[in-house]
Amino acid sequence: MKPPYQITNKSLSLISAISEKIGEIKSARLLKPPTELRKRNRIKIIQSSLEIEGNTLTVEQITDLIGNKRVIAPKKDIQEVKNAIKVYSMLNDLDVYELDSLCHAHEILMEGLIDKPGRLRQKAVGILKGGNIAHIAPPGRMVVQLINDLFTYLKWNDDLLLVKSCVFHYEFEFIHPFLDGNGRMGRLWQTMILKEYSPVFEYLPIETLIKERQQDYYHVLKTSDNQGNSTYFIEFMLEIIDISLEELLGTQNLTVRNIDRIIIFKDIIKDNFFTRQDYLRHNKEISSATASRDLKEGVKNGILEKRGDKRITHYKYSK
């Protein structure tokens, strides 16, 4: 059954604005932002999502952990970050439409933090905010049916993925299918759904904007609970998405390196052979000499395989 919500004029306006920005991002070749920006944003995503849950590690400390440097911090906080780094590095190996995949992600995200991670809860739970009960989740006996219904909606409903990502996020938090880790999982899975809509969302730090508006985030969750639908939450999250895309467009003057062009082109050409001319047709802003240097660098780094010589040279991405 489709979860209850309405698409308001505000939502329609935001959907239109988001679609326009996605078009601009495609034109600016930012669907896969430059390597350093992707790395920086991934760290911000992890830090913000975990800080919402009380984690104390800074962006600098997470950067050090990724670089295998020693970090002095609570053991639990370090474990949370290591788990998140692992999960966010395997997003392309997860199936957004499968409950088993979500449970597997939860198992990794909560490893060493709770007993039996990845298992749907069977107990009753309530969410406390400031010593007060903010939400009483559905009984444990209803969790399996509710979460399966939610995945059925995600997989088969005809609504825009943009909308379904917001609805899924809200309904997931309402169901509260795990004993712990639901907040970070809900935000992670919305990213997974958005990534199906456009690859740009894999590295877009939506969680950072949620962290900046954390009290608003909790307020819209509670308001939607009181209203019995996710309409208000959809508007809020679409606004967050729109702002995050606007910020990405503000980076379009960043220097795109040859390695970035090569990685972006892989999404276009996939496993097919291609020539330098094919590469140039996509990268009209560079010269023939620059294209040759790009391809030579790709071969040197093992990203590309080269076939033939001179005019009959073809390239293919390595497995």
C-alpha atoms as a PDB file:
ATOM      1  CA  MET A   1       0.000   0.000   0.000  1.00  0.00           C
ATOM      2  CA  LYS A   2       1.280   3.456  -0.905  1.00  0.00           C
ATOM      3  CA  PRO A   3       2.326   5.470   2.178  1.00  0.00           C
ATOM      4  CA  PRO A   4       0.192   8.576   2.844  1.00  0.00           C
ATOM      5  CA  TYR A   5       1.493  11.891   1.462  1.00  0.00           C
ATOM      6  CA  GLN A   6       0.554  14.699  -0.903  1.00  0.00           C
ATOM      7  CA  ILE A   7       2.630  16.473  -3.535  1.00  0.00           C
ATOM      8  CA  THR A   8       2.132  20.173  -2.801  1.00  0.00           C
ATOM      9  CA  ASN A   9       2.811  23.204  -4.994  1.00  0.00           C
ATOM     10  CA  LYS A  10       5.976  23.778  -2.953  1.00  0.00           C
ATOM     11  CA  SER A  11       7.155  20.232  -3.686  1.00  0.00           C
ATOM     12  CA  LEU A  12       6.408  20.619  -7.407  1.00  0.00           C
ATOM     13  CA  SER A  13       8.366  23.876  -7.502  1.00  0.00           C
ATOM     14  CA  LEU A  14      11.338  22.244  -5.768  1.00  0.00           C
ATOM     15  CA  ILE A  15      11.209  19.199  -8.063  1.00  0.00           C
ATOM     16  CA  SER A  16      11.331  21.544 -11.069  1.00  0.00           C
ATOM     17  CA  ALA A  17      14.265  23.499  -9.589  1.00  0.00           C
ATOM     18  CA  ILE A  18      16.153  20.271  -8.822  1.00  0.00           C
ATOM     19  CA  SER A  19      15.607  18.973 -12.370  1.00  0.00           C
ATOM     20  CA  GLU A  20      16.941  22.206 -13.829  1.00  0.00           C
ATOM     21  CA  LYS A  21      20.030  22.043 -11.605  1.00  0.00           C
ATOM     22  CA  ILE A  22      20.675  18.428 -12.614  1.00  0.00           C
ATOM     23  CA  GLY A  23      20.636  19.628 -16.231  1.00  0.00           C
ATOM     24  CA  GLU A  24      23.136  22.391 -15.419  1.00  0.00           C
ATOM     25  CA  ILE A  25      25.338  19.897 -13.592  1.00  0.00           C
ATOM     26  CA  LYS A  26      25.347  17.618 -16.636  1.00  0.00           C
ATOM     27  CA  SER A  27      26.349  20.546 -18.840  1.00  0.00           C
ATOM     28  CA  ALA A  28      29.133  21.515 -16.415  1.00  0.00           C
ATOM     29  CA  ARG A  29      30.426  17.916 -16.348  1.00  0.00           C
ATOM     30  CA  LEU A  30      29.902  17.729 -12.591  1.00  0.00           C
ATOM     31  CA  LEU A  31      27.887  14.502 -12.469  1.00  0.00           C
ATOM     32  CA  LYS A  32      31.029  12.998 -11.019  1.00  0.00           C
ATOM     33  CA  PRO A  33      32.796  15.930  -9.328  1.00  0.00           C
ATOM     34  CA  PRO A  34      36.620  16.239  -9.350  1.00  0.00           C
ATOM     35  CA  THR A  35      38.424  13.567  -7.324  1.00  0.00           C
ATOM     36  CA  GLU A  36      39.476  15.801  -4.440  1.00  0.00           C
ATOM     37  CA  LEU A  37      35.960  17.227  -4.118  1.00  0.00           C
ATOM     38  CA  ARG A  38      34.465  13.715  -4.073  1.00  0.00           C
ATOM     39  CA  LYS A  39      36.899  12.631  -1.365  1.00  0.00           C
ATOM     40  CA  ARG A  40      36.240  15.760   0.693  1.00  0.00           C
ATOM     41  CA  ASN A  41      32.473  15.425   0.357  1.00  0.00           C
ATOM     42  CA  ARG A  42      32.515  11.731   1.304  1.00  0.00           C
ATOM     43  CA  ILE A  43      34.319  12.613   4.534  1.00  0.00           C
ATOM     44  CA  LYS A  44      31.820  15.420   5.244  1.00  0.00           C
ATOM     45  CA  ILE A  45      28.919  13.001   4.630  1.00  0.00           C
ATOM     46  CA  ILE A  46      30.282  10.486   7.137  1.00  0.00           C
ATOM     47  CA  GLN A  47      31.187  13.109   9.738  1.00  0.00           C
ATOM     48  CA  SER A  48      27.831  14.888   9.558  1.00  0.00           C
ATOM     49  CA  SER A  49      25.649  11.780   9.604  1.00  0.00           C
ATOM     50  CA  LEU A  50      27.498  10.400  12.629  1.00  0.00           C
ATOM     51  CA  GLU A  51      27.649  13.739  14.447  1.00  0.00           C
ATOM     52  CA  ILE A  52      23.854  13.843  14.335  1.00  0.00           C
ATOM     53  CA  GLU A  53      23.996  10.602  16.345  1.00  0.00           C
ATOM     54  CA  GLY A  54      26.490  12.034  18.860  1.00  0.00           C
ATOM     55  CA  ASN A  55      29.826  11.010  17.323  1.00  0.00           C
ATOM     56  CA  THR A  56      32.674  13.369  18.326  1.00  0.00           C
ATOM     57  CA  LEU A  57      35.196  12.842  15.508  1.00  0.00           C
ATOM     58  CA  THR A  58      36.045  15.837  13.333  1.00  0.00           C
ATOM     59  CA  VAL A  59      36.587  15.960   9.583  1.00  0.00           C
ATOM     60  CA  GLU A  60      40.335  16.100  10.224  1.00  0.00           C
ATOM     61  CA  GLN A  61      40.258  13.006  12.455  1.00  0.00           C
ATOM     62  CA  ILE A  62      38.214  11.051   9.903  1.00  0.00           C
ATOM     63  CA  THR A  63      40.700  12.092   7.210  1.00  0.00           C
ATOM     64  CA  ASP A  64      43.488  10.728   9.413  1.00  0.00           C
ATOM     65  CA  LEU A  65      41.616   7.435   9.905  1.00  0.00           C
ATOM     66  CA  ILE A  66      41.233   7.042   6.147  1.00  0.00           C
ATOM     67  CA  GLY A  67      44.969   7.687   5.858  1.00  0.00           C
ATOM     68  CA  ASN A  68      45.640   4.983   8.498  1.00  0.00           C
ATOM     69  CA  LYS A  69      46.958   7.528  10.980  1.00  0.00           C
ATOM     70  CA  ARG A  70      46.535   7.197  14.739  1.00  0.00           C
ATOM     71  CA  VAL A  71      43.534   9.024  16.168  1.00  0.00           C
ATOM     72  CA  ILE A  72      42.873   9.596  19.862  1.00  0.00           C
ATOM     73  CA  ALA A  73      39.116   9.436  20.470  1.00  0.00           C
ATOM     74  CA  PRO A  74      36.526   7.230  22.206  1.00  0.00           C
ATOM     75  CA  LYS A  75      36.755   3.645  20.938  1.00  0.00           C
ATOM     76  CA  LYS A  76      33.038   3.585  20.059  1.00  0.00           C
ATOM     77  CA  ASP A  77      33.329   6.748  17.952  1.00  0.00           C
ATOM     78  CA  ILE A  78      36.306   5.362  16.040  1.00  0.00           C
ATOM     79  CA  GLN A  79      34.434   2.107  15.390  1.00  0.00           C
ATOM     80  CA  GLU A  80      31.410   4.026  14.091  1.00  0.00           C
ATOM     81  CA  VAL A  81      33.577   5.962  11.651  1.00  0.00           C
ATOM     82  CA  LYS A  82      35.461   2.879  10.430  1.00  0.00           C
ATOM     83  CA  ASN A  83      32.162   1.104   9.837  1.00  0.00           C
ATOM     84  CA  ALA A  84      30.736   4.096   7.947  1.00  0.00           C
ATOM     85  CA  ILE A  85      33.862   4.408   5.780  1.00  0.00           C
ATOM     86  CA  LYS A  86      33.468   0.743   4.821  1.00  0.00           C
ATOM     87  CA  VAL A  87      29.760   1.032   3.987  1.00  0.00           C
ATOM     88  CA  TYR A  88      30.086   4.235   1.942  1.00  0.00           C
ATOM     89  CA  SER A  89      32.927   2.673  -0.058  1.00  0.00           C
ATOM     90  CA  MET A  90      30.651  -0.175  -1.189  1.00  0.00           C
ATOM     91  CA  LEU A  91      27.512   1.739  -2.233  1.00  0.00           C
ATOM     92  CA  ASN A  92      27.765   0.390  -5.774  1.00  0.00           C
ATOM     93  CA  ASP A  93      27.748  -3.187  -4.454  1.00  0.00           C
ATOM     94  CA  LEU A  94      24.420  -2.736  -2.628  1.00  0.00           C
ATOM     95  CA  ASP A  95      20.998  -3.228  -4.236  1.00  0.00           C
ATOM     96  CA  VAL A  96      18.808  -0.282  -3.292  1.00  0.00           C
ATOM     97  CA  TYR A  97      15.606  -2.265  -3.945  1.00  0.00           C
ATOM     98  CA  GLU A  98      16.435  -5.276  -1.753  1.00  0.00           C
ATOM     99  CA  LEU A  99      15.780  -5.544   1.992  1.00  0.00           C
ATOM    100  CA  ASP A 100      18.602  -8.089   2.348  1.00  0.00           C
ATOM    101  CA  SER A 101      21.012  -5.483   0.996  1.00  0.00           C
ATOM    102  CA  LEU A 102      19.806  -2.902   3.510  1.00  0.00           C
ATOM    103  CA  CYS A 103      20.225  -5.411   6.358  1.00  0.00           C
ATOM    104  CA  HIS A 104      23.738  -6.201   5.117  1.00  0.00           C
ATOM    105  CA  ALA A 105      24.610  -2.496   5.136  1.00  0.00           C
ATOM    106  CA  HIS A 106      23.249  -2.192   8.688  1.00  0.00           C
ATOM    107  CA  GLU A 107      25.309  -5.199   9.735  1.00  0.00           C
ATOM    108  CA  ILE A 108      28.490  -3.465   8.572  1.00  0.00           C
ATOM    109  CA  LEU A 109      27.474  -0.028   9.847  1.00  0.00           C
ATOM    110  CA  MET A 110      26.742  -1.309  13.362  1.00  0.00           C
ATOM    111  CA  GLU A 111      29.406  -4.049  13.646  1.00  0.00           C
ATOM    112  CA  GLY A 112      30.932  -4.055  17.118  1.00  0.00           C
ATOM    113  CA  LEU A 113      28.395  -1.491  18.347  1.00  0.00           C
ATOM    114  CA  ILE A 114      25.274  -3.572  19.026  1.00  0.00           C
ATOM    115  CA  ASP A 115      24.382  -7.246  19.367  1.00  0.00           C
ATOM    116  CA  LYS A 116      23.255  -8.978  16.187  1.00  0.00           C
ATOM    117  CA  PRO A 117      23.531  -6.050  13.732  1.00  0.00           C
ATOM    118  CA  GLY A 118      21.563  -6.465  10.528  1.00  0.00           C
ATOM    119  CA  ARG A 119      18.635  -8.131  12.303  1.00  0.00           C
ATOM    120  CA  LEU A 120      15.194  -6.531  12.239  1.00  0.00           C
ATOM    121  CA  ARG A 121      13.921  -5.787  15.711  1.00  0.00           C
ATOM    122  CA  GLN A 122      11.252  -7.866  17.448  1.00  0.00           C
ATOM    123  CA  LYS A 123      10.949  -5.691  20.563  1.00  0.00           C
ATOM    124  CA  ALA A 124       8.986  -2.503  21.212  1.00  0.00           C
ATOM    125  CA  VAL A 125      11.030   0.724  21.093  1.00  0.00           C
ATOM    126  CA  GLY A 126      10.524   4.411  21.770  1.00  0.00           C
ATOM    127  CA  ILE A 127      12.746   7.313  20.700  1.00  0.00           C
ATOM    128  CA  LEU A 128      13.786   9.787  23.376  1.00  0.00           C
ATOM    129  CA  LYS A 129      14.671  13.428  22.684  1.00  0.00           C
ATOM    130  CA  GLY A 130      15.748  15.530  25.654  1.00  0.00           C
ATOM    131  CA  GLY A 131      14.302  13.068  28.134  1.00  0.00           C
ATOM    132  CA  ASN A 132      10.898  13.053  26.433  1.00  0.00           C
ATOM    133  CA  ILE A 133       9.421  10.321  24.257  1.00  0.00           C
ATOM    134  CA  ALA A 134       9.477  11.756  20.727  1.00  0.00           C
ATOM    135  CA  HIS A 135       8.178   8.700  18.901  1.00  0.00           C
ATOM    136  CA  ILE A 136       6.793   5.265  19.739  1.00  0.00           C
ATOM    137  CA  ALA A 137       7.615   2.911  16.877  1.00  0.00           C
ATOM    138  CA  PRO A 138       5.187   0.226  15.662  1.00  0.00           C
ATOM    139  CA  PRO A 139       5.250  -3.075  17.625  1.00  0.00           C
ATOM    140  CA  GLY A 140       8.041  -5.509  16.806  1.00  0.00           C
ATOM    141  CA  ARG A 141       5.581  -8.046  15.361  1.00  0.00           C
ATOM    142  CA  MET A 142       4.654  -5.544  12.620  1.00  0.00           C
ATOM    143  CA  VAL A 143       8.176  -4.618  11.523  1.00  0.00           C
ATOM    144  CA  VAL A 144       8.717  -7.330   8.877  1.00  0.00           C
ATOM    145  CA  GLN A 145       5.421  -6.596   7.117  1.00  0.00           C
ATOM    146  CA  LEU A 146       5.875  -2.818   7.254  1.00  0.00           C
ATOM    147  CA  ILE A 147       9.435  -2.804   5.930  1.00  0.00           C
ATOM    148  CA  ASN A 148       8.530  -5.263   3.150  1.00  0.00           C
ATOM    149  CA  ASP A 149       5.601  -3.033   2.168  1.00  0.00           C
ATOM    150  CA  LEU A 150       7.969  -0.063   2.082  1.00  0.00           C
ATOM    151  CA  PHE A 151      10.349  -1.856  -0.273  1.00  0.00           C
ATOM    152  CA  THR A 152       7.412  -2.888  -2.465  1.00  0.00           C
ATOM    153  CA  TYR A 153       6.460   0.789  -2.724  1.00  0.00           C
ATOM    154  CA  LEU A 154      10.044   1.755  -3.536  1.00  0.00           C
ATOM    155  CA  LYS A 155      10.399  -0.893  -6.220  1.00  0.00           C
ATOM    156  CA  TRP A 156       7.030  -0.707  -7.964  1.00  0.00           C
ATOM    157  CA  ASN A 157       5.391   2.683  -7.379  1.00  0.00           C
ATOM    158  CA  ASP A 158       5.483   5.079 -10.361  1.00  0.00           C
ATOM    159  CA  ASP A 159       6.278   8.235  -8.372  1.00  0.00           C
ATOM    160  CA  LEU A 160       9.507  10.105  -9.094  1.00  0.00           C
ATOM    161  CA  LEU A 161      12.565   8.659  -7.391  1.00  0.00           C
ATOM    162  CA  LEU A 162      13.146  12.109  -5.903  1.00  0.00           C
ATOM    163  CA  VAL A 163       9.841  11.842  -4.060  1.00  0.00           C
ATOM    164  CA  LYS A 164      10.221   8.173  -3.206  1.00  0.00           C
ATOM    165  CA  SER A 165      13.617   8.843  -1.641  1.00  0.00           C
ATOM    166  CA  CYS A 166      12.018  11.305   0.789  1.00  0.00           C
ATOM    167  CA  VAL A 167       9.020   9.077   1.500  1.00  0.00           C
ATOM    168  CA  PHE A 168      11.289   6.094   2.129  1.00  0.00           C
ATOM    169  CA  HIS A 169      13.475   8.132   4.496  1.00  0.00           C
ATOM    170  CA  TYR A 170      10.482   9.262   6.560  1.00  0.00           C
ATOM    171  CA  GLU A 171       8.704   5.882   6.624  1.00  0.00           C
ATOM    172  CA  PHE A 172      11.952   4.122   7.530  1.00  0.00           C
ATOM    173  CA  GLU A 173      12.392   6.394  10.549  1.00  0.00           C
ATOM    174  CA  PHE A 174       8.729   5.883  11.488  1.00  0.00           C
ATOM    175  CA  ILE A 175       9.012   2.081  11.332  1.00  0.00           C
ATOM    176  CA  HIS A 176      12.373   2.151  13.154  1.00  0.00           C
ATOM    177  CA  PRO A 177      13.169  -1.386  11.948  1.00  0.00           C
ATOM    178  CA  PHE A 178      16.389  -1.853  13.935  1.00  0.00           C
ATOM    179  CA  LEU A 179      17.066  -1.482  17.635  1.00  0.00           C
ATOM    180  CA  ASP A 180      19.744   1.135  16.868  1.00  0.00           C
ATOM    181  CA  GLY A 181      21.326   2.870  13.879  1.00  0.00           C
ATOM    182  CA  ASN A 182      18.049   3.805  12.180  1.00  0.00           C
ATOM    183  CA  GLY A 183      18.907   7.487  11.704  1.00  0.00           C
ATOM    184  CA  ARG A 184      22.168   6.899   9.881  1.00  0.00           C
ATOM    185  CA  MET A 185      20.603   4.039   7.868  1.00  0.00           C
ATOM    186  CA  GLY A 186      17.642   6.172   6.782  1.00  0.00           C
ATOM    187  CA  ARG A 187      19.966   8.901   5.523  1.00  0.00           C
ATOM    188  CA  LEU A 188      22.237   6.348   3.841  1.00  0.00           C
ATOM    189  CA  TRP A 189      19.342   4.697   2.012  1.00  0.00           C
ATOM    190  CA  GLN A 190      17.958   8.003   0.791  1.00  0.00           C
ATOM    191  CA  THR A 191      21.395   8.619  -0.737  1.00  0.00           C
ATOM    192  CA  MET A 192      21.212   5.162  -2.330  1.00  0.00           C
ATOM    193  CA  ILE A 193      17.817   5.979  -3.878  1.00  0.00           C
ATOM    194  CA  LEU A 194      18.935   9.414  -5.049  1.00  0.00           C
ATOM    195  CA  LYS A 195      21.987   7.809  -6.659  1.00  0.00           C
ATOM    196  CA  GLU A 196      19.540   5.859  -8.849  1.00  0.00           C
ATOM    197  CA  TYR A 197      18.021   9.187  -9.913  1.00  0.00           C
ATOM    198  CA  SER A 198      21.407  10.752 -10.724  1.00  0.00           C
ATOM    199  CA  PRO A 199      25.004   9.631 -10.042  1.00  0.00           C
ATOM    200  CA  VAL A 200      25.831  13.087  -8.684  1.00  0.00           C
ATOM    201  CA  PHE A 201      24.116  12.209  -5.381  1.00  0.00           C
ATOM    202  CA  GLU A 202      26.712   9.592  -4.460  1.00  0.00           C
ATOM    203  CA  TYR A 203      29.088  12.367  -3.382  1.00  0.00           C
ATOM    204  CA  LEU A 204      26.654  15.137  -2.493  1.00  0.00           C
ATOM    205  CA  PRO A 205      26.888  15.954   1.249  1.00  0.00           C
ATOM    206  CA  ILE A 206      23.154  16.177   1.968  1.00  0.00           C
ATOM    207  CA  GLU A 207      23.864  14.945   5.497  1.00  0.00           C
ATOM    208  CA  THR A 208      25.922  18.088   6.147  1.00  0.00           C
ATOM    209  CA  LEU A 209      22.910  20.301   5.447  1.00  0.00           C
ATOM    210  CA  ILE A 210      20.723  18.068   7.629  1.00  0.00           C
ATOM    211  CA  LYS A 211      23.283  18.450  10.429  1.00  0.00           C
ATOM    212  CA  GLU A 212      23.217  22.245  10.030  1.00  0.00           C
ATOM    213  CA  ARG A 213      19.412  22.122  10.338  1.00  0.00           C
ATOM    214  CA  GLN A 214      19.263  19.269  12.822  1.00  0.00           C
ATOM    215  CA  GLN A 215      16.495  20.727  14.981  1.00  0.00           C
ATOM    216  CA  ASP A 216      14.412  21.458  11.874  1.00  0.00           C
ATOM    217  CA  TYR A 217      15.002  17.863  10.769  1.00  0.00           C
ATOM    218  CA  TYR A 218      13.638  16.483  14.023  1.00  0.00           C
ATOM    219  CA  HIS A 219      10.794  18.997  13.958  1.00  0.00           C
ATOM    220  CA  VAL A 220       9.572  17.951  10.500  1.00  0.00           C
ATOM    221  CA  LEU A 221       9.802  14.279  11.475  1.00  0.00           C
ATOM    222  CA  LYS A 222       7.626  14.964  14.520  1.00  0.00           C
ATOM    223  CA  THR A 223       5.212  17.167  12.567  1.00  0.00           C
ATOM    224  CA  SER A 224       4.795  14.470   9.919  1.00  0.00           C
ATOM    225  CA  ASP A 225       4.154  11.948  12.713  1.00  0.00           C
ATOM    226  CA  ASN A 226       1.427  14.202  14.104  1.00  0.00           C
ATOM    227  CA  GLN A 227      -0.109  14.758  10.663  1.00  0.00           C
ATOM    228  CA  GLY A 228      -0.018  11.058   9.814  1.00  0.00           C
ATOM    229  CA  ASN A 229       1.772  11.577   6.479  1.00  0.00           C
ATOM    230  CA  SER A 230       5.180  12.552   5.090  1.00  0.00           C
ATOM    231  CA  THR A 231       4.074  15.633   3.111  1.00  0.00           C
ATOM    232  CA  TYR A 232       5.935  18.128   5.308  1.00  0.00           C
ATOM    233  CA  PHE A 233       9.047  15.938   5.415  1.00  0.00           C
ATOM    234  CA  ILE A 234       9.069  15.637   1.610  1.00  0.00           C
ATOM    235  CA  GLU A 235       9.072  19.435   1.287  1.00  0.00           C
ATOM    236  CA  PHE A 236      11.912  19.732   3.799  1.00  0.00           C
ATOM    237  CA  MET A 237      14.135  17.110   2.160  1.00  0.00           C
ATOM    238  CA  LEU A 238      13.512  18.432  -1.368  1.00  0.00           C
ATOM    239  CA  GLU A 239      14.621  21.834  -0.119  1.00  0.00           C
ATOM    240  CA  ILE A 240      17.788  20.274   1.340  1.00  0.00           C
ATOM    241  CA  ILE A 241      18.487  18.506  -1.969  1.00  0.00           C
ATOM    242  CA  ASP A 242      17.949  21.723  -3.936  1.00  0.00           C
ATOM    243  CA  ILE A 243      20.372  23.662  -1.713  1.00  0.00           C
ATOM    244  CA  SER A 244      23.019  20.932  -1.964  1.00  0.00           C
ATOM    245  CA  LEU A 245      22.853  21.003  -5.775  1.00  0.00           C
ATOM    246  CA  GLU A 246      23.117  24.810  -5.730  1.00  0.00           C
ATOM    247  CA  GLU A 247      26.293  24.504  -3.650  1.00  0.00           C
ATOM    248  CA  LEU A 248      27.731  21.951  -6.058  1.00  0.00           C
ATOM    249  CA  LEU A 249      27.093  24.289  -8.995  1.00  0.00           C
ATOM    250  CA  GLY A 250      29.099  26.893  -7.101  1.00  0.00           C
ATOM    251  CA  THR A 251      32.160  24.660  -7.481  1.00  0.00           C
ATOM    252  CA  GLN A 252      31.998  24.425 -11.278  1.00  0.00           C
ATOM    253  CA  ASN A 253      35.056  26.626 -11.686  1.00  0.00           C
ATOM    254  CA  LEU A 254      37.210  24.033  -9.925  1.00  0.00           C
ATOM    255  CA  THR A 255      39.974  22.608 -12.089  1.00  0.00           C
ATOM    256  CA  VAL A 256      39.027  19.262 -13.614  1.00  0.00           C
ATOM    257  CA  ARG A 257      42.127  17.061 -13.876  1.00  0.00           C
ATOM    258  CA  ASN A 258      42.836  14.458 -16.541  1.00  0.00           C
ATOM    259  CA  ILE A 259      42.052  11.627 -14.125  1.00  0.00           C
ATOM    260  CA  ASP A 260      38.631  13.191 -13.486  1.00  0.00           C
ATOM    261  CA  ARG A 261      37.866  13.374 -17.204  1.00  0.00           C
ATOM    262  CA  ILE A 262      38.880   9.739 -17.627  1.00  0.00           C
ATOM    263  CA  ILE A 263      36.694   8.563 -14.731  1.00  0.00           C
ATOM    264  CA  ILE A 264      33.683  10.578 -15.949  1.00  0.00           C
ATOM    265  CA  PHE A 265      34.046   9.191 -19.493  1.00  0.00           C
ATOM    266  CA  LYS A 266      33.851   5.618 -18.165  1.00  0.00           C
ATOM    267  CA  ASP A 267      30.216   6.188 -17.160  1.00  0.00           C
ATOM    268  CA  ILE A 268      29.457   7.171 -20.754  1.00  0.00           C
ATOM    269  CA  ILE A 269      31.413   4.624 -22.800  1.00  0.00           C
ATOM    270  CA  LYS A 270      31.093   1.765 -20.256  1.00  0.00           C
ATOM    271  CA  ASP A 271      32.809  -1.463 -21.483  1.00  0.00           C
ATOM    272  CA  ASN A 272      32.983  -0.499 -25.160  1.00  0.00           C
ATOM    273  CA  PHE A 273      36.142   0.207 -27.134  1.00  0.00           C
ATOM    274  CA  PHE A 274      36.649   3.848 -28.097  1.00  0.00           C
ATOM    275  CA  THR A 275      39.065   6.089 -29.989  1.00  0.00           C
ATOM    276  CA  ARG A 276      40.702   9.393 -29.165  1.00  0.00           C
ATOM    277  CA  GLN A 277      38.070  11.054 -31.355  1.00  0.00           C
ATOM    278  CA  ASP A 278      35.296   9.507 -29.261  1.00  0.00           C
ATOM    279  CA  TYR A 279      36.990  10.908 -26.165  1.00  0.00           C
ATOM    280  CA  LEU A 280      37.313  14.350 -27.783  1.00  0.00           C
ATOM    281  CA  ARG A 281      33.657  14.416 -28.842  1.00  0.00           C
ATOM    282  CA  HIS A 282      32.694  14.244 -25.179  1.00  0.00           C
ATOM    283  CA  ASN A 283      35.459  16.600 -23.975  1.00  0.00           C
ATOM    284  CA  LYS A 284      35.093  19.395 -26.515  1.00  0.00           C
ATOM    285  CA  GLU A 285      36.865  21.893 -24.256  1.00  0.00           C
ATOM    286  CA  ILE A 286      40.268  20.152 -24.533  1.00  0.00           C
ATOM    287  CA  SER A 287      42.745  19.923 -27.415  1.00  0.00           C
ATOM    288  CA  SER A 288      43.811  16.805 -29.310  1.00  0.00           C
ATOM    289  CA  ALA A 289      47.182  16.928 -27.532  1.00  0.00           C
ATOM    290  CA  THR A 290      45.473  17.059 -24.113  1.00  0.00           C
ATOM    291  CA  ALA A 291      43.237  14.122 -25.083  1.00  0.00           C
ATOM    292  CA  SER A 292      46.314  12.124 -26.053  1.00  0.00           C
ATOM    293  CA  ARG A 293      47.972  12.941 -22.719  1.00  0.00           C
ATOM    294  CA  ASP A 294      44.797  11.919 -20.837  1.00  0.00           C
ATOM    295  CA  LEU A 295      44.648   8.563 -22.595  1.00  0.00           C
ATOM    296  CA  LYS A 296      48.372   7.958 -22.165  1.00  0.00           C
ATOM    297  CA  GLU A 297      47.999   8.674 -18.425  1.00  0.00           C
ATOM    298  CA  GLY A 298      45.042   6.295 -18.240  1.00  0.00           C
ATOM    299  CA  VAL A 299      47.073   3.492 -19.819  1.00  0.00           C
ATOM    300  CA  LYS A 300      50.052   4.239 -17.577  1.00  0.00           C
ATOM    301  CA  ASN A 301      47.903   3.992 -14.434  1.00  0.00           C
ATOM    302  CA  GLY A 302      46.224   0.778 -15.536  1.00  0.00           C
ATOM    303  CA  ILE A 303      42.808   2.417 -15.930  1.00  0.00           C
ATOM    304  CA  LEU A 304      42.780   1.880 -19.709  1.00  0.00           C
ATOM    305  CA  GLU A 305      43.897  -0.891 -22.031  1.00  0.00           C
ATOM    306  CA  LYS A 306      45.314   0.069 -25.426  1.00  0.00           C
ATOM    307  CA  ARG A 307      44.789  -1.838 -28.695  1.00  0.00           C
ATOM    308  CA  GLY A 308      46.483  -1.058 -32.019  1.00  0.00           C
ATOM    309  CA  ASP A 309      48.730   1.854 -32.912  1.00  0.00           C
ATOM    310  CA  LYS A 310      48.487   5.342 -34.398  1.00  0.00           C
ATOM    311  CA  ARG A 311      45.242   5.859 -36.370  1.00  0.00           C
ATOM    312  CA  ILE A 312      43.794   2.443 -35.511  1.00  0.00           C
ATOM    313  CA  THR A 313      44.382   2.832 -31.751  1.00  0.00           C
ATOM    314  CA  HIS A 314      41.433   1.856 -29.577  1.00  0.00           C
ATOM    315  CA  TYR A 315      41.025   1.966 -25.814  1.00  0.00           C
ATOM    316  CA  LYS A 316      38.925   0.106 -23.311  1.00  0.00           C
ATOM    317  CA  TYR A 317      38.526   0.438 -19.548  1.00  0.00           C
ATOM    318  CA  SER A 318      40.288  -2.240 -17.543  1.00  0.00           C
ATOM    319  CA  LYS A 319      38.143  -4.599 -15.483  1.00  0.00           C
END
